[in-house]
Protein backbone atom coordinates (compact mmCIF):
# COMPACT_ATOMS: atom_id res chain seq x y z
CA UNK A 1 -85.98 -0.83 73.35
CA UNK A 2 -83.36 1.79 72.05
CA UNK A 3 -84.75 4.80 70.30
CA UNK A 4 -82.96 7.38 68.35
CA UNK A 5 -83.61 10.51 66.55
CA UNK A 6 -81.68 11.40 63.21
CA UNK A 7 -81.50 14.72 61.72
CA UNK A 8 -79.22 16.26 58.95
CA UNK A 9 -78.27 20.00 58.86
CA UNK A 10 -77.86 22.08 55.77
CA UNK A 11 -74.31 21.96 56.14
CA UNK A 12 -74.36 18.31 55.75
CA UNK A 13 -73.60 17.33 59.13
CA UNK A 14 -75.73 14.48 60.75
CA UNK A 15 -76.93 14.50 64.42
CA UNK A 16 -78.02 11.20 65.91
CA UNK A 17 -79.17 11.00 69.76
CA UNK A 18 -80.77 8.81 72.25
CA UNK A 19 -82.80 10.38 75.07
CA UNK A 20 -82.56 8.33 78.55
CA UNK A 21 -84.29 10.60 80.90
CA UNK A 22 -83.31 8.22 83.84
CA UNK A 23 -79.78 10.01 84.01
CA UNK A 24 -78.48 13.33 84.81
CA UNK A 25 -75.51 13.31 82.19
CA UNK A 26 -74.96 13.48 78.27
CA UNK A 27 -72.45 11.68 76.41
CA UNK A 28 -71.32 13.65 73.35
CA UNK A 29 -69.06 12.65 70.52
CA UNK A 30 -68.00 14.50 67.25
CA UNK A 31 -67.31 11.32 64.74
CA UNK A 32 -64.94 12.49 61.92
CA UNK A 33 -64.45 9.94 58.86
CA UNK A 34 -60.73 10.28 59.24
CA UNK A 35 -58.27 7.74 59.82
CA UNK A 36 -55.26 6.11 59.36
CA UNK A 37 -56.29 4.60 55.88
CA UNK A 38 -56.81 7.91 54.51
CA UNK A 39 -53.28 8.90 54.53
CA UNK A 40 -50.56 8.87 52.03
CA UNK A 41 -47.30 7.38 53.26
CA UNK A 42 -45.52 10.64 53.31
CA UNK A 43 -48.48 11.76 55.99
CA UNK A 44 -48.57 8.42 57.67
CA UNK A 45 -49.73 9.61 61.49
CA UNK A 46 -51.25 13.06 60.55
CA UNK A 47 -54.56 12.15 61.69
CA UNK A 48 -53.54 11.46 65.06
CA UNK A 49 -51.29 14.27 65.34
CA UNK A 50 -54.30 16.30 64.26
CA UNK A 51 -56.45 14.48 67.18
CA UNK A 52 -53.83 15.79 69.60
CA UNK A 53 -53.95 19.05 68.09
CA UNK A 54 -57.45 19.63 68.18
CA UNK A 55 -56.73 20.24 72.29
CA UNK A 56 -54.24 23.29 71.58
CA UNK A 57 -56.63 25.74 71.00
CA UNK A 58 -58.97 27.29 68.51
CA UNK A 59 -60.17 30.79 67.58
CA UNK A 60 -62.28 31.10 70.27
CA UNK A 61 -60.36 29.18 73.29
CA UNK A 62 -56.75 28.58 73.99
CA UNK A 63 -55.42 25.31 75.41
CA UNK A 64 -55.69 26.30 78.79
CA UNK A 65 -59.16 27.71 78.22
CA UNK A 66 -60.18 24.25 76.95
CA UNK A 67 -58.82 22.52 79.88
CA UNK A 68 -60.28 25.09 82.49
CA UNK A 69 -63.67 25.07 81.12
CA UNK A 70 -63.95 21.04 81.06
CA UNK A 71 -62.44 20.84 84.44
CA UNK A 72 -64.86 23.29 85.40
CA UNK A 73 -67.75 21.13 84.31
CA UNK A 74 -66.56 18.31 85.47
CA UNK A 75 -66.44 16.67 82.05
CA UNK A 76 -64.34 14.03 80.88
CA UNK A 77 -63.15 15.08 77.78
CA UNK A 78 -60.98 13.07 75.30
CA UNK A 79 -60.50 11.77 72.08
CA UNK A 80 -59.54 8.79 69.91
CA UNK A 81 -57.88 7.71 66.23
CA UNK A 82 -58.40 4.55 64.40
CA UNK A 83 -58.16 3.26 60.89
CA UNK A 84 -60.93 4.64 59.72
CA UNK A 85 -62.29 7.48 61.92
CA UNK A 86 -61.43 9.84 64.64
CA UNK A 87 -63.51 10.75 67.74
CA UNK A 88 -63.78 13.53 69.89
CA UNK A 89 -66.12 12.95 72.88
CA UNK A 90 -67.12 14.18 76.19
CA UNK A 91 -69.35 13.07 79.48
CA UNK A 92 -70.74 16.14 81.26
CA UNK A 93 -73.92 17.00 83.68
CA UNK A 94 -77.02 17.43 81.38
CA UNK A 95 -77.07 21.18 82.26
CA UNK A 96 -73.52 21.69 80.83
CA UNK A 97 -74.20 20.32 77.30
CA UNK A 98 -74.70 23.51 75.34
CA UNK A 99 -71.21 24.78 76.64
CA UNK A 100 -69.53 21.53 75.94
CA UNK A 101 -71.02 21.54 72.59
CA UNK A 102 -69.87 25.28 71.87
CA UNK A 103 -66.41 24.22 72.84
CA UNK A 104 -65.91 21.03 70.93
CA UNK A 105 -67.63 22.56 67.82
CA UNK A 106 -64.86 25.20 67.66
CA UNK A 107 -62.32 22.47 68.46
CA UNK A 108 -63.33 20.21 65.83
CA UNK A 109 -63.58 22.94 62.94
CA UNK A 110 -61.50 25.72 63.93
CA UNK A 111 -58.32 24.48 65.33
CA UNK A 112 -55.07 27.03 65.14
CA UNK A 113 -52.61 24.22 65.54
CA UNK A 114 -50.74 25.77 68.42
CA UNK A 115 -47.93 24.64 70.55
CA UNK A 116 -47.00 22.66 67.44
CA UNK A 117 -43.68 21.78 68.18
CA UNK A 118 -44.43 20.97 72.04
CA UNK A 119 -47.35 18.65 71.09
CA UNK A 120 -45.07 17.16 68.51
CA UNK A 121 -42.68 16.21 71.13
CA UNK A 122 -45.39 14.92 72.89
CA UNK A 123 -46.38 12.53 70.14
CA UNK A 124 -42.59 11.32 69.65
CA UNK A 125 -42.61 10.29 73.10
CA UNK A 126 -45.77 8.45 72.45
CA UNK A 127 -44.46 6.62 69.64
CA UNK A 128 -41.20 5.88 71.98
CA UNK A 129 -43.30 4.54 74.41
CA UNK A 130 -45.44 2.35 72.20
CA UNK A 131 -41.98 0.96 70.68
CA UNK A 132 -41.06 0.04 74.18
CA UNK A 133 -44.59 -2.19 74.56
CA UNK A 134 -44.17 -5.24 72.62
CA UNK A 135 -47.55 -6.90 73.20
CA UNK A 136 -49.10 -3.63 71.56
CA UNK A 137 -46.43 -3.06 68.58
CA UNK A 138 -46.83 -6.73 67.53
CA UNK A 139 -50.53 -5.92 66.49
CA UNK A 140 -49.36 -3.25 64.16
CA UNK A 141 -46.60 -5.63 62.76
CA UNK A 142 -49.68 -8.00 62.19
CA UNK A 143 -51.73 -5.30 60.28
CA UNK A 144 -48.44 -4.99 58.13
CA UNK A 145 -47.97 -8.42 57.64
CA UNK A 146 -51.69 -9.14 56.49
CA UNK A 147 -52.11 -5.66 54.43
CA UNK A 148 -48.77 -5.20 53.31
CA UNK A 149 -48.09 -1.62 51.92
CA UNK A 150 -51.90 -0.69 51.97
CA UNK A 151 -52.80 1.86 54.47
CA UNK A 152 -54.69 -0.55 56.76
CA UNK A 153 -50.92 -2.17 57.42
CA UNK A 154 -49.34 0.87 58.74
CA UNK A 155 -49.73 2.05 62.39
CA UNK A 156 -52.14 4.70 63.35
CA UNK A 157 -49.89 6.38 65.68
CA UNK A 158 -47.65 7.10 62.63
CA UNK A 159 -43.85 7.26 62.31
CA UNK A 160 -41.07 9.61 64.16
CA UNK A 161 -40.07 10.18 60.75
CA UNK A 162 -43.11 11.81 59.37
CA UNK A 163 -44.28 13.36 62.91
CA UNK A 164 -40.76 15.33 63.14
CA UNK A 165 -41.29 16.71 59.83
CA UNK A 166 -44.81 17.52 58.98
CA UNK A 167 -45.40 21.26 59.16
CA UNK A 168 -48.83 23.45 59.58
CA UNK A 169 -49.58 23.83 55.81
CA UNK A 170 -50.19 19.75 55.72
CA UNK A 171 -51.89 19.86 58.69
CA UNK A 172 -54.30 22.90 57.58
CA UNK A 173 -54.62 21.29 54.33
CA UNK A 174 -55.44 17.51 55.44
CA UNK A 175 -57.76 19.08 58.42
CA UNK A 176 -59.72 21.22 55.81
CA UNK A 177 -60.08 18.25 53.64
CA UNK A 178 -61.32 15.79 56.24
CA UNK A 179 -62.73 17.71 58.79
CA UNK A 180 -66.08 19.19 56.34
CA UNK A 181 -69.43 19.15 57.73
CA UNK A 182 -70.57 15.93 55.32
CA UNK A 183 -67.78 13.90 56.94
CA UNK A 184 -68.62 14.57 60.71
CA UNK A 185 -71.44 12.90 62.91
CA UNK A 186 -72.59 14.11 66.07
CA UNK A 187 -74.02 11.51 68.26
CA UNK A 188 -75.44 11.96 71.75
CA UNK A 189 -77.05 10.12 74.74
CA UNK A 190 -78.23 10.90 77.95
CA UNK A 191 -80.78 13.18 79.66
CA UNK A 192 -81.64 15.38 76.33
CA UNK A 193 -83.65 16.54 73.72
CA UNK A 194 -82.88 16.08 70.14
CA UNK A 195 -84.36 19.19 68.96
CA UNK A 196 -82.61 21.54 71.51
CA UNK A 197 -79.21 19.90 70.53
CA UNK A 198 -79.79 20.42 66.98
CA UNK A 199 -80.52 24.09 68.00
CA UNK A 200 -77.33 24.57 70.16
CA UNK A 201 -75.52 23.10 67.54
CA UNK A 202 -76.30 25.34 64.88
CA UNK A 203 -75.79 28.18 67.10
CA UNK A 204 -72.12 27.19 67.93
CA UNK A 205 -71.64 26.63 64.01
CA UNK A 206 -72.63 30.02 63.26
CA UNK A 207 -70.14 31.46 65.52
CA UNK A 208 -67.36 29.86 63.67
CA UNK A 209 -68.55 29.99 59.93
CA UNK A 210 -70.68 27.54 58.17
CA UNK A 211 -68.73 24.39 56.69
CA UNK A 212 -68.84 23.44 53.17
CA UNK A 213 -72.13 21.50 52.48
CA UNK A 214 -70.35 18.37 51.11
CA UNK A 215 -71.13 14.86 51.66
CA UNK A 216 -68.82 11.98 53.26
CA UNK A 217 -65.42 11.20 52.12
CA UNK A 218 -65.75 8.08 50.01
CA UNK A 219 -62.88 5.85 50.34
CA UNK A 220 -61.21 3.39 47.59
CA UNK A 221 -61.97 0.01 48.67
CA UNK A 222 -59.33 -2.63 49.35
CA UNK A 223 -59.72 -5.06 46.27
CA UNK A 224 -57.77 -7.86 47.36
CA UNK A 225 -55.54 -8.29 50.25
CA UNK A 226 -51.93 -9.01 49.45
CA UNK A 227 -50.51 -12.27 49.84
CA UNK A 228 -49.84 -13.56 53.52
CA UNK A 229 -46.44 -12.65 54.89
CA UNK A 230 -44.20 -12.29 57.98
CA UNK A 231 -43.07 -9.43 59.85
CA UNK A 232 -40.22 -9.87 62.66
CA UNK A 233 -38.68 -7.22 65.24
CA UNK A 234 -35.59 -8.68 66.99
CA UNK A 235 -35.66 -7.09 70.70
CA UNK A 236 -34.39 -8.31 73.83
CA UNK A 237 -37.31 -9.71 75.37
CA UNK A 238 -37.91 -12.08 78.16
CA UNK A 239 -40.84 -13.43 76.25
CA UNK A 240 -41.90 -13.86 72.67
CA UNK A 241 -44.51 -11.92 71.42
CA UNK A 242 -46.51 -13.19 68.61
CA UNK A 243 -49.47 -12.93 66.56
CA UNK A 244 -50.90 -15.29 63.59
CA UNK A 245 -53.98 -13.84 61.69
CA UNK A 246 -55.42 -13.19 58.14
CA UNK A 247 -58.08 -10.93 56.59
CA UNK A 248 -61.17 -11.21 58.15
CA UNK A 249 -64.61 -9.41 57.12
CA UNK A 250 -66.21 -6.41 56.41
CA UNK A 251 -68.51 -4.35 59.20
CA UNK A 252 -71.49 -4.86 56.99
CA UNK A 253 -71.16 -8.51 56.32
CA UNK A 254 -73.73 -10.65 57.68
CA UNK A 255 -71.52 -13.37 58.78
CA UNK A 256 -70.34 -10.72 61.42
CA UNK A 257 -72.39 -12.26 64.46
CA UNK A 258 -70.88 -15.67 63.37
CA UNK A 259 -67.26 -14.01 63.54
CA UNK A 260 -67.90 -12.47 67.06
CA UNK A 261 -68.94 -16.02 68.46
CA UNK A 262 -65.83 -17.60 66.62
CA UNK A 263 -63.87 -14.98 68.82
CA UNK A 264 -65.41 -15.88 71.61
CA UNK A 265 -65.20 -19.64 71.52
CA UNK A 266 -61.57 -19.52 70.49
CA UNK A 267 -60.04 -17.09 72.86
CA UNK A 268 -62.45 -14.14 74.01
CA UNK A 269 -63.29 -15.20 77.28
CA UNK A 270 -62.02 -16.94 80.42
CA UNK A 271 -63.83 -20.30 79.15
CA UNK A 272 -62.59 -20.09 75.68
CA UNK A 273 -60.28 -22.89 74.11
CA UNK A 274 -56.91 -20.81 73.67
CA UNK A 275 -57.12 -19.37 77.34
CA UNK A 276 -57.86 -22.99 78.84
CA UNK A 277 -55.54 -25.04 76.77
CA UNK A 278 -52.39 -22.76 76.99
CA UNK A 279 -52.78 -20.66 80.32
CA UNK A 280 -55.02 -22.58 82.68
CA UNK A 281 -54.21 -26.25 81.88
CA UNK A 282 -50.42 -25.85 80.91
CA UNK A 283 -49.41 -22.44 82.43
CA UNK A 284 -47.34 -21.77 79.03
CA UNK A 285 -48.66 -18.06 78.89
CA UNK A 286 -49.93 -15.02 80.97
CA UNK A 287 -51.65 -13.43 77.89
CA UNK A 288 -53.31 -15.34 75.07
CA UNK A 289 -56.34 -14.55 73.44
CA UNK A 290 -57.93 -14.08 69.86
CA UNK A 291 -58.82 -10.69 68.36
CA UNK A 292 -61.41 -9.38 65.41
CA UNK A 293 -61.26 -6.13 63.70
CA UNK A 294 -63.94 -5.16 61.17
CA UNK A 295 -63.38 -2.30 58.38
CA UNK A 296 -65.74 -0.97 55.96
CA UNK A 297 -64.43 -3.29 53.22
CA UNK A 298 -62.27 -6.11 55.15
CA UNK A 299 -61.09 -7.09 58.52
CA UNK A 300 -58.55 -8.64 60.74
CA UNK A 301 -58.94 -12.00 62.57
CA UNK A 302 -56.13 -14.05 64.73
CA UNK A 303 -54.64 -14.53 68.19
CA UNK A 304 -51.96 -13.29 70.35
CA UNK A 305 -49.75 -15.25 72.67
CA UNK A 306 -47.13 -13.83 74.81
CA UNK A 307 -44.64 -16.62 75.91
CA UNK A 308 -41.17 -17.80 76.65
CA UNK A 309 -38.80 -19.21 74.20
CA UNK A 310 -39.02 -22.61 75.48
CA UNK A 311 -43.14 -22.48 75.16
CA UNK A 312 -43.19 -21.12 71.87
CA UNK A 313 -43.76 -23.61 69.03
CA UNK A 314 -45.94 -25.77 71.69
CA UNK A 315 -48.20 -22.76 71.93
CA UNK A 316 -48.70 -22.40 68.43
CA UNK A 317 -49.02 -26.11 67.79
CA UNK A 318 -52.24 -26.11 70.56
CA UNK A 319 -53.61 -22.99 69.06
CA UNK A 320 -53.53 -24.66 65.48
CA UNK A 321 -54.77 -27.90 66.92
CA UNK A 322 -57.84 -25.53 68.44
CA UNK A 323 -58.62 -23.88 65.26
CA UNK A 324 -58.87 -27.20 63.55
CA UNK A 325 -61.01 -28.61 65.76
CA UNK A 326 -63.55 -25.68 65.56
CA UNK A 327 -63.14 -25.96 61.86
CA UNK A 328 -63.70 -29.44 61.32
CA UNK A 329 -67.17 -29.20 63.44
CA UNK A 330 -65.81 -30.37 66.60
CA UNK A 331 -67.43 -28.06 68.85
CA UNK A 332 -67.75 -29.34 72.48
CA UNK A 333 -71.25 -29.44 74.37
CA UNK A 334 -72.73 -26.38 75.37
CA UNK A 335 -69.67 -24.24 73.91
CA UNK A 336 -71.64 -22.19 71.52
CA UNK A 337 -74.56 -21.84 73.74
CA UNK A 338 -72.13 -20.36 76.29
CA UNK A 339 -70.73 -18.26 73.94
CA UNK A 340 -73.92 -16.47 72.82
CA UNK A 341 -75.01 -15.78 76.26
CA UNK A 342 -71.69 -14.41 76.99
CA UNK A 343 -71.61 -12.13 74.07
CA UNK A 344 -75.46 -10.92 74.88
CA UNK A 345 -74.76 -10.58 78.24
CA UNK A 346 -71.59 -8.14 77.52
CA UNK A 347 -73.98 -6.32 74.65
CA UNK A 348 -76.64 -5.73 77.50
CA UNK A 349 -74.30 -4.48 80.26
CA UNK A 350 -72.93 -1.93 77.71
CA UNK A 351 -76.00 -0.42 77.04
CA UNK A 352 -75.97 0.75 80.93
CA UNK A 353 -73.44 3.14 79.94
CA UNK A 354 -74.26 6.52 78.09
CA UNK A 355 -70.85 6.69 76.63
CA UNK A 356 -71.30 3.31 74.96
CA UNK A 357 -74.66 4.43 73.75
CA UNK A 358 -73.08 7.14 72.24
CA UNK A 359 -70.35 5.32 70.68
CA UNK A 360 -72.98 2.93 68.98
CA UNK A 361 -74.77 5.26 67.64
CA UNK A 362 -71.96 7.77 66.35
CA UNK A 363 -69.79 4.56 64.87
CA UNK A 364 -72.72 3.05 63.00
CA UNK A 365 -73.76 6.36 61.45
CA UNK A 366 -70.02 7.47 60.49
CA UNK A 367 -69.15 3.90 59.07
CA UNK A 368 -72.30 3.69 57.09
CA UNK A 369 -73.42 0.56 59.27
CA UNK A 370 -77.03 -0.67 60.00
CA UNK A 371 -78.13 0.04 63.35
CA UNK A 372 -79.80 -2.61 64.61
CA UNK A 373 -81.89 -2.74 67.77
CA UNK A 374 -80.70 -4.54 70.56
CA UNK A 375 -83.21 -7.49 70.14
CA UNK A 376 -82.52 -7.81 66.69
CA UNK A 377 -78.81 -8.17 67.55
CA UNK A 378 -79.93 -10.97 70.46
CA UNK A 379 -81.82 -12.63 67.48
CA UNK A 380 -79.30 -12.48 64.90
CA UNK A 381 -76.48 -14.03 67.69
CA UNK A 382 -79.14 -17.03 68.78
CA UNK A 383 -79.72 -17.87 65.11
CA UNK A 384 -75.93 -18.51 64.18
CA UNK A 385 -75.49 -22.12 63.87
CA UNK A 386 -72.72 -24.51 64.82
CA UNK A 387 -71.99 -25.51 61.21
CA UNK A 388 -72.12 -21.95 60.63
CA UNK A 389 -69.05 -21.27 63.27
CA UNK A 390 -67.26 -24.10 61.92
CA UNK A 391 -67.24 -23.04 58.16
CA UNK A 392 -66.23 -19.63 58.99
CA UNK A 393 -63.33 -20.82 60.90
CA UNK A 394 -62.11 -23.06 57.85
CA UNK A 395 -62.68 -20.24 55.63
CA UNK A 396 -61.01 -17.35 57.33
CA UNK A 397 -58.09 -19.29 59.26
CA UNK A 398 -57.00 -21.89 56.66
CA UNK A 399 -53.54 -22.04 56.89
CA UNK A 400 -52.51 -21.09 53.32
CA UNK A 401 -54.12 -17.57 54.37
CA UNK A 402 -52.44 -17.11 57.42
CA UNK A 403 -49.83 -14.31 58.14
CA UNK A 404 -47.41 -13.93 61.39
CA UNK A 405 -45.90 -11.16 63.30
CA UNK A 406 -43.31 -11.53 66.36
CA UNK A 407 -41.20 -9.61 68.48
CA UNK A 408 -38.45 -11.48 70.34
CA UNK A 409 -34.75 -12.26 70.68
CA UNK A 410 -34.45 -14.65 67.55
CA UNK A 411 -35.87 -14.67 64.54
CA UNK A 412 -35.06 -18.05 63.75
CA UNK A 413 -36.84 -19.64 66.63
CA UNK A 414 -39.74 -17.40 65.59
CA UNK A 415 -39.60 -18.81 62.11
CA UNK A 416 -39.13 -22.58 63.32
CA UNK A 417 -42.22 -22.10 65.55
CA UNK A 418 -44.04 -20.74 62.74
CA UNK A 419 -43.08 -23.36 60.29
CA UNK A 420 -44.93 -25.84 62.51
CA UNK A 421 -48.57 -24.83 62.03
CA UNK A 422 -48.01 -23.20 58.38
CA UNK A 423 -44.65 -24.63 56.60
CA UNK A 424 -44.88 -22.13 53.54
CA UNK A 425 -45.17 -18.82 55.38
CA UNK A 426 -41.56 -18.63 56.94
CA UNK A 427 -40.20 -18.23 53.58
CA UNK A 428 -42.28 -14.85 53.01
CA UNK A 429 -40.68 -11.61 53.03
CA UNK A 430 -39.80 -10.38 56.83
CA UNK A 431 -39.27 -6.95 57.16
CA UNK A 432 -36.86 -5.38 59.65
CA UNK A 433 -38.72 -3.61 61.35
């Protein structure tokens, strides 16, 4: 049984830990409630840029100091930015946790934004690399098709225009607003003691000054998603890369277990419908899968396929037939039971990793999501009925709710294929990405 301990410091920062005495390591993460959806259009990508700059030096440590310290500890230091949070995380041997905590506290709260121009070039190269990866880029087009001008529709990585021009003053202002103690969660899992970690954290914070004792930053909710639309980028590629999707459900929605099983049945595993029908039986695609993201107040659900021009329309028709069959209640014998065991098994296997346990704690707390025990999660999965899966498929993936995004040589061919499954959609606005 998972046991965790939660404390709140005077600064407002929350600390959550899980002790695992059978290991000799600790996974530690600083979770900040700052993501791409918190940016204005003129600052799109600033959250991700700051994530990079946290490694470029603090008031106490240079960029080289940070690299050498963690190399010397044998630690695995990294960071990531999503649409709703940023995380800086490390895994180190248990006897190195105090030093790791000291350096990471400085990185999070007192970056100097050094080497600004050189790191700007690194991020611009990352954007260029991303734009050369159509099977990744098409997902950002999907978010834009579903969420339009809302911040959830913008790419996390930002745009070259913003990154090329954003200055130190804007970076500092955004950092001071978002990286305050009440908007930060420290999560740890491994061979540690909670009270000792809290004491070490308070000591590290005293070195760099107290952060304002303010609570989490509140976001304006997405009241209503915009109308479905189309986004297409004309690019000379051998395959068409295409996503079909719609608004999903929020992270706190009780139907999230049903949504996970719907994802598993349709395209989340090797035995799933889309993988079997499109790849295994017909050889029409190398990569085909479903995706489901959950945010504070909404979500995103859909499927991706990468295929040659002659297979494009047929792939979409097959996918549409499978979705319709599930929505009509025609689940196959053993299909849902297999999906349940697959989902429970993956969760249990993930819990053998201290990094995954730390991420589970931190993400739940920073997103204000109920932290359920593994047994409770398994019970919730087992309780999902075939009728619930079919009903959710019909509600979320109804043709009139679907948006489409694509990358390939011909927009006309893309639209003709999309018209096969949702005739009205191709008339919707398409962005010249």
